[in-house]
Amino acid sequence: MLNRCKSYIEKYKVILANFSYLSILEIVGLLLPLLTYPYLIRVIGKDLYGVIVYSQAILAYITILINFGFNVSATKNISENRNDTKKLSEIFNSILIIKLLLSSISACLYFPFVSLYIQTEYKFLYIVSFGLCIQEILFPSWFFQGIEKMKYITFISFTVKFLFTACIFVFIKSPKDYCLIPILNSFSGILSSFMAIHIIRRRYGLKFALIPFSILKTYFMDSIPFFFSRAASVIIERSNTIIIGIYFGYGMVASFDLALKVINIMKIPFTLVAQVLYPNVAKTKNMKIVKTMLVFVGFAGVGLSILVCLFSTHIVTLLGGEALYDAIPALMILSLYLPIVGCSYILGASTLVVMNHIKEYNYSVVYSLLIYLLLVTIYIMINKVNLISLSIIYIIPELFIVLYRGYVANKFNLLN
């Protein structure tokens, strides 16, 4: 039995190591925002905090274009070529160049939008918030994930997030300081990006180089399917925030954001499993461990969902106080999202993408977007838009994704 345990640990030591590093990272990423959130709500108020959340929701549409699905396609390419330095250099430089080009296009779309449609008093906030895109351009998380060296991401993110948290308490003293929040956040992203690139150049000997257009085109085209699926996911994730802002104002945006923050914190274990599992399975095609993890995240999701429901009032009181009690029913409904999203992650990249069912992977997300848009349209037409209805709408598309991906996995016998 002891030898069997040792053999199992040895076989999956890379996965276990990366899971440990990411766990440390996510725990730190969990605790530090929990320190700043109540402070910011008290100092700048829920309305101004809602403005910041609303601006981030709009900016999320811009980052869709910049990322362009490379977190899936580039990770897979890096994982499959991790022992070929020349190929790694080609992939690394190609993705950076494409992202820089896409960011230029993004800026040409974003700033005219801000000039024409954003209230004058908030335009400066939106302008400085664009700095958040720099991290999306330069931080090569896809590279470290592909080579399964999560310790570098952990070290960098821990250092920078701790610095950002300290700066929040030092510099944010009154509501007039609210624009400093995206400035500090942007600075943190830029710092982490340069640290990551420095490690890649020193540790792996990769140099900046121009890449022929034909090669850039290849990587760009490879990522198009993942771009559409990622775009659909972000639209579903962020559009509720924008709808709430339009119908109910920025204060209610803060309430819904609190409920989503709690759910996003609770789904961290599933994100960890997915991030660690995907590059390993992309290389080994070991579907046995995928099946095991699918069972694990299903039961774990149900358990977390029950806990969130039981303690929803206490959670909201602790983080936002009575001013955000509107978040309680939304949080209870959104807790049903946890077991669903865990299975969605595992059946997605680690199953369909790895087994070359990319078309079905993308269809699952695109179809879910159509369902989301249909539901939103219906609720708007019958005048039933509120936090509860939008929370339900948030869950249903993800449930469809799981059912569709499960059907495909069963149809093609992918997990055996």
Protein backbone atom coordinates (compact mmCIF):
# COMPACT_ATOMS: atom_id res chain seq x y z
CA MET A 1 0.00 0.00 0.00
CA LEU A 2 2.84 2.38 0.92
CA ASN A 3 4.61 1.68 -2.36
CA ARG A 4 1.38 2.28 -4.25
CA CYS A 5 0.94 5.66 -2.54
CA LYS A 6 4.52 6.60 -3.35
CA SER A 7 4.00 5.56 -6.95
CA TYR A 8 0.83 7.62 -7.19
CA ILE A 9 2.52 10.70 -5.70
CA GLU A 10 5.50 10.30 -8.01
CA LYS A 11 3.27 9.93 -11.04
CA TYR A 12 1.31 13.07 -10.30
CA LYS A 13 3.95 15.09 -8.46
CA VAL A 14 3.97 17.83 -11.09
CA ILE A 15 0.21 18.24 -10.80
CA LEU A 16 0.40 18.20 -7.01
CA ALA A 17 3.25 20.71 -6.96
CA ASN A 18 1.49 23.11 -9.31
CA PHE A 19 -1.76 22.70 -7.40
CA SER A 20 0.10 23.62 -4.21
CA TYR A 21 1.64 26.73 -5.74
CA LEU A 22 -1.65 27.87 -7.21
CA SER A 23 -3.40 27.15 -3.91
CA ILE A 24 -1.00 29.50 -2.12
CA LEU A 25 -1.55 32.09 -4.83
CA GLU A 26 -5.33 31.86 -4.71
CA ILE A 27 -5.47 31.86 -0.90
CA VAL A 28 -3.43 35.05 -0.87
CA GLY A 29 -5.60 36.42 -3.68
CA LEU A 30 -8.63 35.53 -1.54
CA LEU A 31 -7.50 37.03 1.75
CA LEU A 32 -6.08 40.32 0.50
CA PRO A 33 -9.25 41.51 -1.32
CA LEU A 34 -11.28 40.52 1.73
CA LEU A 35 -9.15 42.98 3.70
CA THR A 36 -9.66 45.84 1.27
CA TYR A 37 -13.30 45.29 0.28
CA PRO A 38 -14.98 46.38 3.56
CA TYR A 39 -12.49 49.25 3.80
CA LEU A 40 -13.27 50.55 0.31
CA ILE A 41 -17.04 50.25 0.79
CA ARG A 42 -16.74 52.30 3.98
CA VAL A 43 -14.29 54.92 2.64
CA ILE A 44 -15.53 55.61 -0.91
CA GLY A 45 -19.10 54.29 -0.54
CA LYS A 46 -20.97 51.63 -2.48
CA ASP A 47 -21.99 53.99 -5.30
CA LEU A 48 -18.44 54.98 -6.27
CA TYR A 49 -17.33 51.40 -5.80
CA GLY A 50 -20.14 50.44 -8.16
CA VAL A 51 -18.80 52.93 -10.71
CA ILE A 52 -15.41 51.19 -10.58
CA VAL A 53 -17.02 47.77 -11.00
CA TYR A 54 -19.10 49.07 -13.89
CA SER A 55 -16.01 50.46 -15.65
CA GLN A 56 -14.25 47.12 -15.20
CA ALA A 57 -17.24 45.33 -16.74
CA ILE A 58 -16.99 47.52 -19.84
CA LEU A 59 -13.22 47.09 -19.97
CA ALA A 60 -13.71 43.33 -19.88
CA TYR A 61 -15.07 43.54 -23.43
CA ILE A 62 -11.79 45.15 -24.50
CA THR A 63 -9.66 42.50 -22.83
CA ILE A 64 -11.58 39.83 -24.75
CA LEU A 65 -10.00 41.14 -27.92
CA ILE A 66 -6.53 41.44 -26.38
CA ASN A 67 -6.50 37.94 -24.91
CA PHE A 68 -8.08 36.46 -28.04
CA GLY A 69 -8.28 32.97 -26.55
CA PHE A 70 -4.51 32.61 -26.14
CA ASN A 71 -4.92 31.37 -22.57
CA VAL A 72 -6.14 28.12 -24.14
CA SER A 73 -4.37 27.89 -27.50
CA ALA A 74 -0.98 29.26 -26.40
CA THR A 75 -0.98 27.12 -23.24
CA LYS A 76 -1.56 24.04 -25.35
CA ASN A 77 1.22 25.00 -27.80
CA ILE A 78 3.68 25.71 -25.00
CA SER A 79 2.85 22.43 -23.26
CA GLU A 80 3.38 20.39 -26.42
CA ASN A 81 6.71 22.12 -27.25
CA ARG A 82 8.12 22.69 -23.78
CA ASN A 83 11.44 20.99 -24.61
CA ASP A 84 12.06 22.91 -27.83
CA THR A 85 13.63 26.28 -26.96
CA LYS A 86 13.44 27.57 -30.53
CA LYS A 87 9.74 26.76 -30.73
CA LEU A 88 9.08 28.26 -27.30
CA SER A 89 10.73 31.49 -28.42
CA GLU A 90 8.59 31.54 -31.55
CA ILE A 91 5.37 31.02 -29.60
CA PHE A 92 6.32 33.54 -26.90
CA ASN A 93 7.20 36.32 -29.32
CA SER A 94 4.28 35.61 -31.63
CA ILE A 95 1.71 35.90 -28.87
CA LEU A 96 3.25 39.10 -27.52
CA ILE A 97 3.33 40.73 -30.96
CA ILE A 98 -0.26 39.73 -31.74
CA LYS A 99 -1.44 41.02 -28.37
CA LEU A 100 0.31 44.35 -28.92
CA LEU A 101 -1.40 44.70 -32.29
CA LEU A 102 -4.77 43.77 -30.81
CA SER A 103 -4.28 46.25 -27.96
CA SER A 104 -3.76 49.03 -30.51
CA ILE A 105 -7.07 48.14 -32.12
CA SER A 106 -8.67 47.98 -28.67
CA ALA A 107 -7.44 51.47 -27.79
CA CYS A 108 -8.92 52.83 -31.03
CA LEU A 109 -12.30 51.41 -29.98
CA TYR A 110 -12.18 52.18 -26.26
CA PHE A 111 -11.17 55.84 -26.07
CA PRO A 112 -13.72 57.14 -28.61
CA PHE A 113 -16.37 55.20 -26.67
CA VAL A 114 -15.28 56.87 -23.42
CA SER A 115 -15.27 60.29 -25.06
CA LEU A 116 -18.76 59.92 -26.49
CA TYR A 117 -20.74 57.88 -23.96
CA ILE A 118 -19.23 58.17 -20.47
CA GLN A 119 -20.32 60.88 -18.04
CA THR A 120 -17.77 63.70 -17.80
CA GLU A 121 -17.18 63.20 -14.09
CA TYR A 122 -16.12 59.57 -14.66
CA LYS A 123 -14.10 59.90 -17.88
CA PHE A 124 -10.75 60.13 -16.08
CA LEU A 125 -11.55 56.89 -14.22
CA TYR A 126 -12.17 55.09 -17.50
CA ILE A 127 -9.00 56.50 -19.08
CA VAL A 128 -6.69 55.36 -16.28
CA SER A 129 -8.51 52.02 -16.06
CA PHE A 130 -7.20 51.17 -19.52
CA GLY A 131 -3.85 50.59 -17.82
CA LEU A 132 -5.31 47.28 -16.62
CA CYS A 133 -5.00 46.09 -20.22
CA ILE A 134 -1.21 46.28 -20.03
CA GLN A 135 -1.15 43.22 -17.78
CA GLU A 136 -3.42 41.40 -20.21
CA ILE A 137 -0.89 42.16 -22.96
CA LEU A 138 2.37 41.40 -21.21
CA PHE A 139 1.79 38.96 -18.36
CA PRO A 140 2.55 35.50 -19.83
CA SER A 141 0.53 33.31 -17.48
CA TRP A 142 -0.13 31.02 -20.46
CA PHE A 143 3.62 30.39 -20.76
CA PHE A 144 4.11 29.33 -17.13
CA GLN A 145 0.94 27.28 -17.21
CA GLY A 146 2.08 25.51 -20.37
CA ILE A 147 5.50 24.55 -18.95
CA GLU A 148 3.83 23.69 -15.62
CA LYS A 149 5.93 26.08 -13.55
CA MET A 150 3.28 27.74 -11.46
CA LYS A 151 5.77 28.70 -8.75
CA TYR A 152 6.81 31.74 -10.77
CA ILE A 153 3.25 33.00 -11.06
CA THR A 154 2.81 32.42 -7.33
CA PHE A 155 5.94 34.35 -6.38
CA ILE A 156 5.19 37.28 -8.67
CA SER A 157 1.50 37.56 -7.84
CA PHE A 158 2.05 37.26 -4.09
CA THR A 159 4.59 40.07 -4.12
CA VAL A 160 2.56 42.42 -6.28
CA LYS A 161 -0.82 41.77 -4.65
CA PHE A 162 0.64 42.38 -1.20
CA LEU A 163 2.07 45.67 -2.46
CA PHE A 164 -1.26 46.67 -4.02
CA THR A 165 -3.17 45.89 -0.83
CA ALA A 166 -0.78 47.98 1.27
CA CYS A 167 -1.12 50.89 -1.17
CA ILE A 168 -4.94 50.80 -0.88
CA PHE A 169 -4.75 51.48 2.86
CA VAL A 170 -2.02 54.09 2.45
CA PHE A 171 -3.44 56.15 -0.43
CA ILE A 172 -7.24 55.69 -0.37
CA LYS A 173 -8.45 57.97 2.40
CA SER A 174 -11.66 59.56 1.07
CA PRO A 175 -14.18 59.27 -1.79
CA LYS A 176 -12.15 61.70 -3.92
CA ASP A 177 -9.33 59.13 -4.05
CA TYR A 178 -11.41 56.54 -5.91
CA CYS A 179 -9.55 57.04 -9.21
CA LEU A 180 -6.36 55.93 -7.48
CA ILE A 181 -7.75 52.38 -7.25
CA PRO A 182 -7.46 51.56 -10.99
CA ILE A 183 -4.15 53.49 -11.12
CA LEU A 184 -2.68 51.35 -8.36
CA ASN A 185 -4.17 48.24 -9.92
CA SER A 186 -2.64 49.13 -13.30
CA PHE A 187 0.75 49.76 -11.74
CA SER A 188 0.60 46.36 -10.03
CA GLY A 189 -0.20 44.67 -13.33
CA ILE A 190 2.67 46.41 -15.12
CA LEU A 191 5.11 45.48 -12.35
CA SER A 192 4.07 41.82 -12.36
CA SER A 193 4.36 41.68 -16.16
CA PHE A 194 7.92 42.96 -16.21
CA MET A 195 8.90 40.57 -13.41
CA ALA A 196 7.46 37.63 -15.36
CA ILE A 197 9.17 38.57 -18.61
CA HIS A 198 12.48 39.01 -16.76
CA ILE A 199 12.20 35.47 -15.37
CA ILE A 200 11.40 34.04 -18.80
CA ARG A 201 14.40 35.75 -20.38
CA ARG A 202 16.82 34.77 -17.60
CA ARG A 203 15.53 31.28 -16.81
CA TYR A 204 14.62 30.06 -20.29
CA GLY A 205 16.89 32.20 -22.45
CA LEU A 206 14.08 33.54 -24.61
CA LYS A 207 14.84 36.75 -26.48
CA PHE A 208 12.59 39.31 -28.08
CA ALA A 209 12.46 38.85 -31.84
CA LEU A 210 10.37 39.79 -34.82
CA ILE A 211 8.29 36.97 -36.24
CA PRO A 212 7.32 36.59 -39.92
CA PHE A 213 3.74 37.53 -40.71
CA SER A 214 2.95 34.01 -41.96
CA ILE A 215 3.78 32.53 -38.55
CA LEU A 216 1.83 35.24 -36.71
CA LYS A 217 -1.13 34.49 -38.92
CA THR A 218 -0.94 30.78 -38.02
CA TYR A 219 -1.07 31.41 -34.26
CA PHE A 220 -3.79 34.01 -34.73
CA MET A 221 -5.95 31.65 -36.77
CA ASP A 222 -5.40 28.80 -34.28
CA SER A 223 -6.83 30.93 -31.51
CA ILE A 224 -9.94 32.18 -33.31
CA PRO A 225 -12.22 29.35 -32.07
CA PHE A 226 -11.14 30.00 -28.48
CA PHE A 227 -11.66 33.73 -28.94
CA PHE A 228 -15.33 33.24 -29.74
CA SER A 229 -15.88 30.86 -26.85
CA ARG A 230 -14.08 33.17 -24.43
CA ALA A 231 -15.98 36.18 -25.75
CA ALA A 232 -19.26 34.39 -25.11
CA SER A 233 -18.18 33.58 -21.54
CA VAL A 234 -17.20 37.17 -20.74
CA ILE A 235 -20.38 38.58 -22.26
CA ILE A 236 -22.45 36.32 -20.01
CA GLU A 237 -20.28 37.12 -16.99
CA ARG A 238 -20.18 40.91 -17.38
CA SER A 239 -23.43 41.87 -19.09
CA ASN A 240 -25.50 41.42 -15.93
CA THR A 241 -23.38 44.10 -14.25
CA ILE A 242 -24.02 46.51 -17.11
CA ILE A 243 -27.77 45.76 -17.15
CA ILE A 244 -28.01 46.34 -13.39
CA GLY A 245 -26.15 49.63 -13.76
CA ILE A 246 -28.57 50.79 -16.45
CA TYR A 247 -31.74 49.78 -14.58
CA PHE A 248 -30.87 50.25 -10.90
CA GLY A 249 -27.76 52.44 -10.58
CA TYR A 250 -24.22 51.93 -9.34
CA GLY A 251 -25.18 51.08 -5.76
CA MET A 252 -26.98 47.94 -6.89
CA VAL A 253 -23.99 47.10 -9.07
CA ALA A 254 -21.92 46.96 -5.89
CA SER A 255 -24.43 44.55 -4.30
CA PHE A 256 -24.42 42.18 -7.27
CA ASP A 257 -20.64 42.43 -7.47
CA LEU A 258 -20.36 41.35 -3.84
CA ALA A 259 -22.44 38.23 -4.53
CA LEU A 260 -20.31 37.44 -7.58
CA LYS A 261 -17.10 38.03 -5.64
CA VAL A 262 -18.10 35.47 -3.04
CA ILE A 263 -18.99 32.92 -5.73
CA ASN A 264 -15.73 33.58 -7.57
CA ILE A 265 -13.85 33.00 -4.33
CA MET A 266 -15.72 29.75 -3.71
CA LYS A 267 -14.94 28.46 -7.21
CA ILE A 268 -11.18 29.00 -6.75
CA PRO A 269 -10.53 25.27 -6.04
CA PHE A 270 -12.14 24.35 -9.36
CA THR A 271 -10.12 27.00 -11.19
CA LEU A 272 -6.97 25.56 -9.62
CA VAL A 273 -7.81 22.02 -10.64
CA ALA A 274 -8.58 23.12 -14.20
CA GLN A 275 -5.42 25.21 -14.57
CA VAL A 276 -3.16 22.48 -13.26
CA LEU A 277 -4.90 19.61 -15.01
CA TYR A 278 -5.13 21.05 -18.52
CA PRO A 279 -1.42 21.30 -19.50
CA ASN A 280 -0.69 17.91 -17.94
CA VAL A 281 -3.52 16.14 -19.75
CA ALA A 282 -2.67 17.99 -22.97
CA LYS A 283 0.69 16.26 -22.81
CA THR A 284 -0.21 12.83 -21.34
CA LYS A 285 -3.81 12.31 -22.57
CA ASN A 286 -4.50 10.63 -19.21
CA MET A 287 -8.29 10.70 -19.06
CA LYS A 288 -8.47 8.55 -15.95
CA ILE A 289 -7.41 11.47 -13.77
CA VAL A 290 -9.87 13.73 -15.59
CA LYS A 291 -12.69 11.37 -14.64
CA THR A 292 -11.51 11.33 -11.02
CA MET A 293 -11.35 15.12 -10.87
CA LEU A 294 -14.83 15.39 -12.41
CA VAL A 295 -16.31 13.41 -9.52
CA PHE A 296 -14.30 15.43 -7.00
CA VAL A 297 -15.38 18.86 -8.24
CA GLY A 298 -19.01 17.73 -8.47
CA PHE A 299 -19.24 16.69 -4.82
CA ALA A 300 -17.07 19.59 -3.64
CA GLY A 301 -19.29 22.05 -5.52
CA VAL A 302 -22.43 20.74 -3.84
CA GLY A 303 -20.78 21.04 -0.43
CA LEU A 304 -19.64 24.62 -1.02
CA SER A 305 -23.07 25.55 -2.37
CA ILE A 306 -24.72 24.36 0.84
CA LEU A 307 -22.23 26.28 2.98
CA VAL A 308 -22.77 29.52 1.05
CA CYS A 309 -26.57 29.21 1.41
CA LEU A 310 -26.34 28.56 5.14
CA PHE A 311 -24.01 31.47 5.86
CA SER A 312 -25.02 33.96 3.15
CA THR A 313 -26.32 36.58 5.62
CA HIS A 314 -23.17 36.37 7.73
CA ILE A 315 -20.94 36.62 4.66
CA VAL A 316 -22.66 39.73 3.32
CA THR A 317 -22.72 41.37 6.76
CA LEU A 318 -19.01 40.73 7.23
CA LEU A 319 -17.93 42.02 3.84
CA GLY A 320 -20.39 44.76 2.96
CA GLY A 321 -22.53 45.50 5.99
CA GLU A 322 -26.22 46.32 5.98
CA ALA A 323 -25.81 48.64 2.99
CA LEU A 324 -25.33 45.59 0.75
CA TYR A 325 -28.05 43.32 2.13
CA ASP A 326 -29.58 43.28 -1.36
CA ALA A 327 -26.81 40.82 -2.20
CA ILE A 328 -28.12 38.06 0.10
CA PRO A 329 -30.86 36.50 -2.12
CA ALA A 330 -28.62 36.86 -5.18
CA LEU A 331 -25.79 35.10 -3.34
CA MET A 332 -28.05 32.20 -2.31
CA ILE A 333 -29.19 31.66 -5.90
CA LEU A 334 -25.69 32.05 -7.35
CA SER A 335 -24.39 29.37 -4.95
CA LEU A 336 -26.05 26.82 -7.27
CA TYR A 337 -23.43 27.86 -9.83
CA LEU A 338 -20.59 26.18 -7.91
CA PRO A 339 -21.13 22.46 -8.68
CA ILE A 340 -22.06 23.37 -12.26
CA VAL A 341 -18.98 25.46 -13.05
CA GLY A 342 -16.59 22.90 -11.56
CA CYS A 343 -17.83 20.22 -13.95
CA SER A 344 -17.86 22.73 -16.81
CA TYR A 345 -14.15 23.45 -16.35
CA ILE A 346 -13.15 19.78 -16.35
CA LEU A 347 -15.34 18.83 -19.31
CA GLY A 348 -14.07 21.83 -21.27
CA ALA A 349 -10.35 22.28 -21.92
CA SER A 350 -9.21 19.13 -20.11
CA THR A 351 -11.65 16.90 -22.01
CA LEU A 352 -13.01 18.34 -25.25
CA VAL A 353 -10.01 20.48 -26.22
CA VAL A 354 -7.43 17.86 -25.27
CA MET A 355 -9.28 15.21 -27.27
CA ASN A 356 -9.52 17.54 -30.29
CA HIS A 357 -13.24 18.24 -30.02
CA ILE A 358 -12.59 21.97 -30.20
CA LYS A 359 -15.63 22.62 -32.37
CA GLU A 360 -17.96 21.12 -29.77
CA TYR A 361 -16.13 23.01 -27.02
CA ASN A 362 -16.82 26.30 -28.75
CA TYR A 363 -20.37 25.37 -29.69
CA SER A 364 -21.17 24.78 -26.02
CA VAL A 365 -20.26 28.36 -25.13
CA VAL A 366 -21.77 30.01 -28.20
CA TYR A 367 -25.08 28.18 -27.70
CA SER A 368 -25.07 29.17 -24.04
CA LEU A 369 -24.61 32.81 -25.07
CA LEU A 370 -27.65 32.58 -27.33
CA ILE A 371 -29.65 31.13 -24.43
CA TYR A 372 -28.45 33.95 -22.18
CA LEU A 373 -29.39 36.66 -24.69
CA LEU A 374 -32.81 35.07 -25.21
CA LEU A 375 -33.51 34.95 -21.48
CA VAL A 376 -32.33 38.54 -20.95
CA THR A 377 -34.54 39.73 -23.80
CA ILE A 378 -37.57 37.94 -22.39
CA TYR A 379 -37.07 39.32 -18.87
CA ILE A 380 -36.61 42.85 -20.21
CA MET A 381 -39.76 42.59 -22.35
CA ILE A 382 -41.87 41.39 -19.42
CA ASN A 383 -40.23 43.94 -17.09
CA LYS A 384 -38.87 41.35 -14.64
CA VAL A 385 -35.25 42.52 -14.48
CA ASN A 386 -33.93 42.37 -10.90
CA LEU A 387 -31.06 40.82 -8.95
CA ILE A 388 -32.88 37.52 -8.51
CA SER A 389 -33.87 37.09 -12.15
CA LEU A 390 -30.41 38.06 -13.36
CA SER A 391 -28.85 35.60 -10.91
CA ILE A 392 -31.00 32.82 -12.37
CA ILE A 393 -30.09 33.88 -15.90
CA TYR A 394 -26.42 33.72 -14.90
CA ILE A 395 -26.71 30.05 -13.91
CA ILE A 396 -28.81 28.59 -16.73
CA PRO A 397 -26.27 29.05 -19.57
CA GLU A 398 -23.54 27.35 -17.52
CA LEU A 399 -25.89 24.46 -16.80
CA PHE A 400 -26.44 24.08 -20.54
CA ILE A 401 -22.66 24.03 -21.10
CA VAL A 402 -22.22 21.16 -18.65
CA LEU A 403 -25.06 19.15 -20.15
CA TYR A 404 -23.85 19.71 -23.71
CA ARG A 405 -20.21 18.90 -22.92
CA GLY A 406 -21.26 15.85 -20.93
CA TYR A 407 -23.34 14.67 -23.89
CA VAL A 408 -20.38 15.08 -26.26
CA ALA A 409 -17.98 13.34 -23.86
CA ASN A 410 -20.41 10.41 -23.53
CA LYS A 411 -21.19 10.25 -27.25
CA PHE A 412 -17.51 9.96 -28.23
CA ASN A 413 -16.51 7.96 -25.16
CA LEU A 414 -13.85 10.55 -24.24
CA LEU A 415 -13.44 9.71 -20.57
CA ASN A 416 -12.54 6.04 -21.04
